[in-house]
C-alpha cells in the first residue's frame, strides 16, 4: 500500500475546511451555484464575501472549473 501525497487544488482542502469552518463540499457547491462565471470573478467572490485568501479561493475555483470541463454536457 502506497501513501501517495495529494497534489493540486485538493492538497489545500484540509486547511480550507479547518480555516473557514465548513466541509469542502460546502465551498464547492457555493462556487458551482455561481456558474457560469469567470475564474477570477469566483475567486473574488470567495475573497470578498467569505474572507478566503487568494490561494485557497483559487484552489476551490480551479477544482470546480476543472470538474465542470471534464463533465460531459447533459
Protein backbone atom coordinates (compact mmCIF):
# COMPACT_ATOMS: atom_id res chain seq x y z
CA UNK A 1 0.00 0.00 0.00
CA UNK A 2 1.42 3.35 -1.01
CA UNK A 3 0.99 6.59 0.83
CA UNK A 4 0.54 8.97 -2.10
CA UNK A 5 0.57 12.66 -1.37
CA UNK A 6 -2.47 14.60 -2.58
CA UNK A 7 -1.50 17.04 -5.32
CA UNK A 8 -3.13 20.00 -6.99
CA UNK A 9 -6.02 22.01 -5.54
CA UNK A 10 -7.19 19.12 -3.36
CA UNK A 11 -4.00 19.47 -1.32
CA UNK A 12 -5.48 22.67 0.11
CA UNK A 13 -8.82 21.13 1.11
CA UNK A 14 -7.96 20.08 4.70
CA UNK A 15 -6.61 23.52 5.55
CA UNK A 16 -9.60 25.21 3.86
CA UNK A 17 -12.01 23.16 5.98
CA UNK A 18 -10.09 23.97 9.14
CA UNK A 19 -9.66 27.69 8.45
CA UNK A 20 -13.15 28.51 7.13
CA UNK A 21 -15.18 26.09 9.27
CA UNK A 22 -17.17 24.31 6.58
CA UNK A 23 -16.68 21.00 4.77
CA UNK A 24 -15.06 21.39 1.36
CA UNK A 25 -18.28 20.29 -0.34
CA UNK A 26 -19.95 23.45 1.02
CA UNK A 27 -17.43 25.63 -0.80
CA UNK A 28 -17.52 23.55 -3.98
CA UNK A 29 -21.32 23.79 -4.06
CA UNK A 30 -21.21 27.53 -3.37
CA UNK A 31 -18.89 28.11 -6.31
CA UNK A 32 -20.83 25.73 -8.57
CA UNK A 33 -24.05 27.63 -7.82
CA UNK A 34 -22.46 30.81 -9.24
CA UNK A 35 -21.68 29.25 -12.62
CA UNK A 36 -21.37 30.31 -15.31
CA UNK A 37 -18.82 32.88 -14.21
CA UNK A 38 -15.20 33.65 -14.90
CA UNK A 39 -12.47 32.14 -12.75
CA UNK A 40 -11.34 35.44 -11.22
CA UNK A 41 -14.93 36.55 -10.55
CA UNK A 42 -15.42 33.41 -8.47
CA UNK A 43 -12.08 33.88 -6.69
CA UNK A 44 -13.07 37.48 -5.92
CA UNK A 45 -16.43 36.35 -4.51
CA UNK A 46 -14.80 33.89 -2.11
CA UNK A 47 -12.29 36.54 -1.01
CA UNK A 48 -14.80 39.39 -0.61
CA UNK A 49 -17.79 37.50 0.78
CA UNK A 50 -16.12 34.73 2.78
CA UNK A 51 -12.68 36.03 3.73
CA UNK A 52 -10.72 33.49 1.70
CA UNK A 53 -7.08 34.06 0.93
CA UNK A 54 -6.18 34.10 -2.75
CA UNK A 55 -4.54 30.66 -2.80
CA UNK A 56 -7.43 28.93 -1.06
CA UNK A 57 -10.02 30.65 -3.27
CA UNK A 58 -8.04 29.78 -6.39
CA UNK A 59 -7.81 26.12 -5.34
CA UNK A 60 -11.58 25.79 -4.80
CA UNK A 61 -12.48 27.59 -8.02
CA UNK A 62 -9.89 25.69 -10.05
CA UNK A 63 -11.18 22.37 -8.76
CA UNK A 64 -14.79 23.23 -9.63
CA UNK A 65 -13.96 24.56 -13.08
CA UNK A 66 -11.77 21.56 -13.94
CA UNK A 67 -14.57 19.24 -12.85
CA UNK A 68 -17.10 21.07 -14.99
CA UNK A 69 -14.82 20.99 -18.01
CA UNK A 70 -14.36 17.23 -17.58
CA UNK A 71 -18.10 16.56 -17.24
CA UNK A 72 -19.98 15.62 -20.39
CA UNK A 73 -22.72 18.01 -21.45
CA UNK A 74 -26.23 16.85 -20.48
